[in-house]
């Protein structure tokens, strides 16, 4: 089965802990060894963990980029995906990585730095990470729309083979992106607000709008996004969010965005990335057929990203 997971934080955390991506680590979910032999493409986010997001600089991003590129030279079986042809070339038993930037703070308020991150092989850009910044409102900040810098960033992205990620945006900023974007929008990791009323989740109305412009949302495995009583979240909760979101958006607009290594307490049964394969049986129990499952597990994001990058 082909898997395309639209978000994990493994690069940033392993960089912080000085652990190679090719080496397993206690308490961590994803690494190159975990997907050996599988047909798996992983979107790896450059997330810069600083308490004061305003302190993040472009050089912080460059350090993470250098780390990823170095790791790939040490693990030549993992292919860096730069375009649609690279994505199409990932065959049975092969693995690949798509590089993303989570949060535009690293752009230092300069939309022209979007061209520079593209030169570093970033193919997905998210404008916010929870908090407001110079470009956009964050989902945990004030509910404000895109700034003029943010609107200029979207106009630049419209002209580039670069996907825009709507995860972490405030509702007003997401509305602005939906109005301005000239390509399908992906939301790499979010769940249904109807099932769990968390500000990081998406209302049915926004789910429909994303589907209407050809985009997709990656259902994520964060306990707080799955259940209002997080301790009760489990793999069934994930399947239920997928079921509802498919009902709202259609089968061609829902995928997976695990957020592996981005949470302190993984959902029980998904402590390691390889356990993602278990999700298929839960989806079958809800009535999804094999074609449906292949779209959810990776086919939808593969199709949409291939149309952009």
Protein backbone atom coordinates (compact mmCIF):
# COMPACT_ATOMS: atom_id res chain seq x y z
CA UNK A 1 0.00 0.00 0.00
CA UNK A 2 1.23 3.50 -0.88
CA UNK A 3 1.30 5.92 2.05
CA UNK A 4 1.78 9.67 1.84
CA UNK A 5 1.78 11.20 5.30
CA UNK A 6 1.42 14.97 4.98
CA UNK A 7 3.10 15.99 8.24
CA UNK A 8 5.61 14.94 10.86
CA UNK A 9 7.98 16.81 13.17
CA UNK A 10 10.73 14.21 13.25
CA UNK A 11 13.33 16.40 11.52
CA UNK A 12 13.09 19.19 14.06
CA UNK A 13 13.02 17.02 17.17
CA UNK A 14 15.84 14.74 16.06
CA UNK A 15 17.90 17.81 15.14
CA UNK A 16 17.29 19.22 18.63
CA UNK A 17 18.27 15.90 20.23
CA UNK A 18 21.19 15.32 17.82
CA UNK A 19 19.82 11.95 16.75
CA UNK A 20 20.24 10.85 13.10
CA UNK A 21 17.05 10.33 11.12
CA UNK A 22 18.26 6.86 10.26
CA UNK A 23 18.39 5.82 13.91
CA UNK A 24 15.44 4.78 16.07
CA UNK A 25 15.02 6.53 19.41
CA UNK A 26 13.00 5.74 22.49
CA UNK A 27 9.82 7.79 22.66
CA UNK A 28 9.99 8.79 19.00
CA UNK A 29 7.62 7.51 16.33
CA UNK A 30 9.21 8.05 12.93
CA UNK A 31 12.63 7.48 11.37
CA UNK A 32 14.02 6.10 8.14
CA UNK A 33 14.37 2.62 9.63
CA UNK A 34 10.68 2.56 10.59
CA UNK A 35 9.57 2.69 6.96
CA UNK A 36 12.20 0.38 5.48
CA UNK A 37 10.67 -1.79 2.76
CA UNK A 38 7.39 0.12 2.75
CA UNK A 39 5.95 2.27 -0.05
CA UNK A 40 6.00 5.51 1.92
CA UNK A 41 6.40 9.22 1.22
CA UNK A 42 6.79 11.44 4.27
CA UNK A 43 6.33 15.20 4.35
CA UNK A 44 8.99 16.39 6.79
CA UNK A 45 8.45 19.79 8.34
CA UNK A 46 11.11 22.27 9.28
CA UNK A 47 9.64 23.51 12.55
CA UNK A 48 11.78 25.84 14.61
CA UNK A 49 10.95 25.46 18.28
CA UNK A 50 11.46 28.77 20.03
CA UNK A 51 9.31 30.11 22.84
CA UNK A 52 9.38 33.54 21.23
CA UNK A 53 8.43 32.92 17.62
CA UNK A 54 9.58 36.44 16.68
CA UNK A 55 13.18 35.37 17.33
CA UNK A 56 13.15 32.84 14.50
CA UNK A 57 15.50 33.76 11.67
CA UNK A 58 16.14 32.49 8.17
CA UNK A 59 19.43 30.98 9.33
CA UNK A 60 17.52 28.73 11.74
CA UNK A 61 15.70 27.29 8.75
CA UNK A 62 18.97 26.89 6.83
CA UNK A 63 20.42 24.79 9.66
CA UNK A 64 17.46 22.40 9.49
CA UNK A 65 17.67 22.27 5.71
CA UNK A 66 21.36 21.40 5.85
CA UNK A 67 20.64 18.66 8.38
CA UNK A 68 17.97 17.09 6.18
CA UNK A 69 20.13 17.18 3.07
CA UNK A 70 23.06 15.67 4.98
CA UNK A 71 20.87 12.90 6.37
CA UNK A 72 19.66 12.06 2.86
CA UNK A 73 23.25 11.66 1.64
CA UNK A 74 23.69 9.09 4.44
CA UNK A 75 20.47 7.27 3.54
CA UNK A 76 20.47 7.11 -0.24
CA UNK A 77 17.48 4.77 -0.31
CA UNK A 78 15.30 7.75 0.72
CA UNK A 79 14.58 9.96 -2.28
CA UNK A 80 14.13 13.72 -1.97
CA UNK A 81 11.03 14.63 -3.96
CA UNK A 82 11.31 17.92 -5.81
CA UNK A 83 8.67 17.60 -8.51
CA UNK A 84 5.80 15.50 -9.83
CA UNK A 85 8.14 13.19 -11.74
CA UNK A 86 10.04 12.39 -8.55
CA UNK A 87 6.77 11.63 -6.78
CA UNK A 88 5.57 9.40 -9.60
CA UNK A 89 8.88 7.51 -9.51
CA UNK A 90 8.37 6.26 -5.94
CA UNK A 91 7.50 2.65 -6.66
CA UNK A 92 6.61 -0.39 -4.59
CA UNK A 93 8.94 -0.78 -1.61
CA UNK A 94 10.50 2.66 -2.11
CA UNK A 95 10.49 5.69 0.15
CA UNK A 96 10.67 9.43 -0.34
CA UNK A 97 10.63 12.72 1.53
CA UNK A 98 8.93 16.02 0.71
CA UNK A 99 10.38 19.03 2.53
CA UNK A 100 7.99 21.56 4.10
CA UNK A 101 8.31 24.71 6.20
CA UNK A 102 5.86 25.02 9.09
CA UNK A 103 5.37 28.71 9.84
CA UNK A 104 6.50 31.78 7.90
CA UNK A 105 8.42 33.32 10.80
CA UNK A 106 11.63 32.06 9.18
CA UNK A 107 10.97 34.30 6.17
CA UNK A 108 11.88 37.31 8.34
CA UNK A 109 8.99 39.34 6.95
CA UNK A 110 10.33 39.15 3.40
CA UNK A 111 8.08 37.35 0.88
CA UNK A 112 11.04 37.10 -1.51
CA UNK A 113 12.55 34.55 0.86
CA UNK A 114 9.92 32.16 -0.49
CA UNK A 115 12.13 31.82 -3.57
CA UNK A 116 15.09 31.02 -1.32
CA UNK A 117 13.29 28.27 0.60
CA UNK A 118 12.26 26.79 -2.75
CA UNK A 119 15.94 26.68 -3.71
CA UNK A 120 16.43 24.66 -0.50
CA UNK A 121 13.91 22.14 -1.92
CA UNK A 122 10.91 23.15 0.20
CA UNK A 123 7.77 22.21 -1.72
CA UNK A 124 5.08 22.95 0.91
CA UNK A 125 4.81 26.18 2.93
CA UNK A 126 2.53 26.92 5.88
CA UNK A 127 2.16 30.59 6.75
CA UNK A 128 1.50 30.17 10.46
CA UNK A 129 2.18 27.96 13.45
CA UNK A 130 -0.63 28.64 15.95
CA UNK A 131 0.44 32.20 16.81
CA UNK A 132 -0.01 35.38 14.79
CA UNK A 133 2.98 36.52 12.76
CA UNK A 134 3.80 39.14 10.14
CA UNK A 135 2.01 37.15 7.44
CA UNK A 136 -1.09 35.60 8.98
CA UNK A 137 -3.25 35.00 12.01
CA UNK A 138 -2.71 31.73 13.84
CA UNK A 139 -5.37 29.35 15.07
CA UNK A 140 -4.50 30.10 18.70
CA UNK A 141 -3.97 33.83 18.19
CA UNK A 142 -6.28 36.69 17.34
CA UNK A 143 -8.72 35.76 14.60
CA UNK A 144 -7.31 38.11 12.00
CA UNK A 145 -6.88 37.75 8.28
CA UNK A 146 -3.78 37.77 6.14
CA UNK A 147 -1.62 40.87 6.32
CA UNK A 148 -0.50 42.56 3.12
CA UNK A 149 2.70 40.53 3.43
CA UNK A 150 0.60 37.37 3.68
CA UNK A 151 -1.43 38.27 0.62
CA UNK A 152 1.75 38.95 -1.33
CA UNK A 153 3.09 35.58 -0.19
CA UNK A 154 0.00 33.83 -1.56
CA UNK A 155 0.35 35.68 -4.86
CA UNK A 156 3.98 34.52 -5.11
CA UNK A 157 3.06 30.93 -4.24
CA UNK A 158 0.34 31.01 -6.90
CA UNK A 159 3.05 31.44 -9.53
CA UNK A 160 5.40 28.76 -8.18
CA UNK A 161 5.42 24.95 -8.11
CA UNK A 162 4.93 25.22 -4.35
CA UNK A 163 1.97 23.98 -2.31
CA UNK A 164 0.35 26.17 0.34
CA UNK A 165 -0.54 24.53 3.65
CA UNK A 166 -3.53 25.95 5.54
CA UNK A 167 -2.81 24.15 8.83
CA UNK A 168 -2.56 26.39 11.92
CA UNK A 169 -4.23 29.40 10.26
CA UNK A 170 -6.91 31.45 11.99
CA UNK A 171 -10.37 31.22 10.43
CA UNK A 172 -10.09 34.66 8.83
CA UNK A 173 -6.64 33.93 7.43
CA UNK A 174 -7.89 30.61 6.08
CA UNK A 175 -10.81 32.42 4.45
CA UNK A 176 -8.38 34.86 2.82
CA UNK A 177 -6.22 32.01 1.54
CA UNK A 178 -9.25 30.26 0.06
CA UNK A 179 -10.22 33.48 -1.72
CA UNK A 180 -6.73 34.22 -3.04
CA UNK A 181 -5.32 30.81 -3.86
CA UNK A 182 -5.31 29.81 -7.52
CA UNK A 183 -4.44 26.18 -6.82
CA UNK A 184 -5.71 23.39 -4.57
CA UNK A 185 -5.11 24.06 -0.89
CA UNK A 186 -3.80 21.36 1.38
CA UNK A 187 -4.27 21.35 5.13
CA UNK A 188 -1.57 18.94 6.18
CA UNK A 189 -2.82 18.05 9.66
CA UNK A 190 -6.21 18.88 11.18
CA UNK A 191 -9.40 17.13 12.23
CA UNK A 192 -13.14 17.79 12.26
CA UNK A 193 -14.43 20.53 14.54
CA UNK A 194 -17.87 18.92 14.40
CA UNK A 195 -16.44 15.88 16.22
CA UNK A 196 -14.01 17.76 18.46
CA UNK A 197 -14.37 21.48 19.12
CA UNK A 198 -10.71 22.49 19.06
CA UNK A 199 -9.50 25.71 17.36
CA UNK A 200 -7.00 23.73 15.29
CA UNK A 201 -9.81 21.72 13.72
CA UNK A 202 -11.93 22.70 10.73
CA UNK A 203 -15.64 23.35 10.50
CA UNK A 204 -17.74 21.51 7.94
CA UNK A 205 -18.08 24.75 5.97
CA UNK A 206 -14.31 25.11 5.63
CA UNK A 207 -13.94 21.42 4.79
CA UNK A 208 -16.41 21.89 1.92
CA UNK A 209 -14.62 25.00 0.64
CA UNK A 210 -11.28 23.21 0.62
CA UNK A 211 -12.83 20.34 -1.34
CA UNK A 212 -14.49 22.74 -3.78
CA UNK A 213 -11.10 24.11 -4.88
CA UNK A 214 -9.66 20.62 -5.25
CA UNK A 215 -7.75 20.46 -1.99
CA UNK A 216 -7.44 17.91 0.79
CA UNK A 217 -7.08 17.70 4.56
CA UNK A 218 -4.79 15.27 6.37
CA UNK A 219 -6.50 13.74 9.39
CA UNK A 220 -4.09 14.03 12.29
CA UNK A 221 -3.46 11.82 15.30
CA UNK A 222 -3.21 14.47 18.02
CA UNK A 223 -5.27 13.39 21.02
CA UNK A 224 -6.52 16.91 21.76
CA UNK A 225 -7.83 17.25 18.20
CA UNK A 226 -9.52 13.85 18.17
CA UNK A 227 -11.49 13.91 21.42
CA UNK A 228 -12.61 16.59 23.85
CA UNK A 229 -11.47 14.09 26.50
CA UNK A 230 -8.01 13.43 25.01
CA UNK A 231 -7.32 10.41 27.19
CA UNK A 232 -10.10 8.59 25.33
CA UNK A 233 -8.59 9.16 21.87
CA UNK A 234 -7.62 5.99 20.01
CA UNK A 235 -7.29 4.62 16.51
CA UNK A 236 -11.09 4.31 16.28
CA UNK A 237 -11.30 8.07 16.86
CA UNK A 238 -9.05 8.62 13.84
CA UNK A 239 -11.25 6.40 11.67
CA UNK A 240 -14.35 8.28 12.84
CA UNK A 241 -12.86 11.65 11.88
CA UNK A 242 -11.95 10.24 8.47
CA UNK A 243 -15.48 8.90 8.03
CA UNK A 244 -17.07 12.25 8.87
CA UNK A 245 -14.68 14.28 6.75
CA UNK A 246 -15.18 12.00 3.74
CA UNK A 247 -18.93 12.40 4.22
CA UNK A 248 -18.53 16.19 4.11
CA UNK A 249 -15.76 16.57 1.51
CA UNK A 250 -15.92 13.47 -0.66
CA UNK A 251 -13.55 10.54 -0.86
CA UNK A 252 -10.99 12.41 -3.01
CA UNK A 253 -10.27 15.13 -0.45
CA UNK A 254 -9.20 13.36 2.75
CA UNK A 255 -5.76 12.02 3.59
CA UNK A 256 -3.37 11.40 6.47
CA UNK A 257 -1.28 13.98 8.34
CA UNK A 258 -0.07 12.07 11.36
CA UNK A 259 2.02 14.68 13.21
CA UNK A 260 4.35 11.87 14.24
CA UNK A 261 6.92 13.14 16.75
CA UNK A 262 4.90 16.31 17.24
CA UNK A 263 3.04 15.11 20.33
CA UNK A 264 4.10 14.01 23.80
CA UNK A 265 1.51 11.24 24.16
CA UNK A 266 0.81 9.32 20.92
CA UNK A 267 -2.54 7.65 20.41
CA UNK A 268 -2.48 4.13 21.81
CA UNK A 269 -1.66 1.67 19.05
CA UNK A 270 0.21 4.27 16.99
CA UNK A 271 3.33 4.63 19.10
CA UNK A 272 5.43 3.81 16.01
CA UNK A 273 4.92 4.87 12.41
CA UNK A 274 4.69 1.34 11.02
CA UNK A 275 1.51 0.84 13.07
CA UNK A 276 -0.24 3.25 10.70
CA UNK A 277 -0.94 0.21 8.53
CA UNK A 278 -3.43 -0.92 11.19
CA UNK A 279 -5.72 1.94 10.27
CA UNK A 280 -6.83 0.16 7.09
CA UNK A 281 -8.75 -2.51 9.00
CA UNK A 282 -10.65 0.11 10.99
CA UNK A 283 -11.59 1.90 7.78
CA UNK A 284 -12.84 -1.35 6.26
CA UNK A 285 -15.05 -1.82 9.31
CA UNK A 286 -16.66 1.54 8.53
CA UNK A 287 -17.46 0.45 4.98
CA UNK A 288 -14.56 1.85 2.99
CA UNK A 289 -13.42 -0.31 0.08
CA UNK A 290 -9.82 -0.90 -1.00
CA UNK A 291 -9.83 1.94 -3.52
CA UNK A 292 -11.20 4.34 -0.90
CA UNK A 293 -8.51 3.29 1.55
CA UNK A 294 -5.74 3.72 -1.03
CA UNK A 295 -6.92 7.28 -1.69
CA UNK A 296 -7.06 8.15 2.00
CA UNK A 297 -3.71 6.58 2.86
CA UNK A 298 -1.82 8.44 0.16
CA UNK A 299 -3.46 8.56 -3.24
CA UNK A 300 -5.26 11.85 -2.73
CA UNK A 301 -2.22 13.79 -1.57
CA UNK A 302 -0.12 12.18 -4.30
CA UNK A 303 -2.58 13.36 -6.96
CA UNK A 304 -2.95 16.88 -5.58
CA UNK A 305 0.74 17.49 -4.91
CA UNK A 306 1.60 16.12 -8.35
CA UNK A 307 -0.63 18.81 -9.85
CA UNK A 308 1.26 21.54 -7.96
CA UNK A 309 4.94 20.69 -7.63
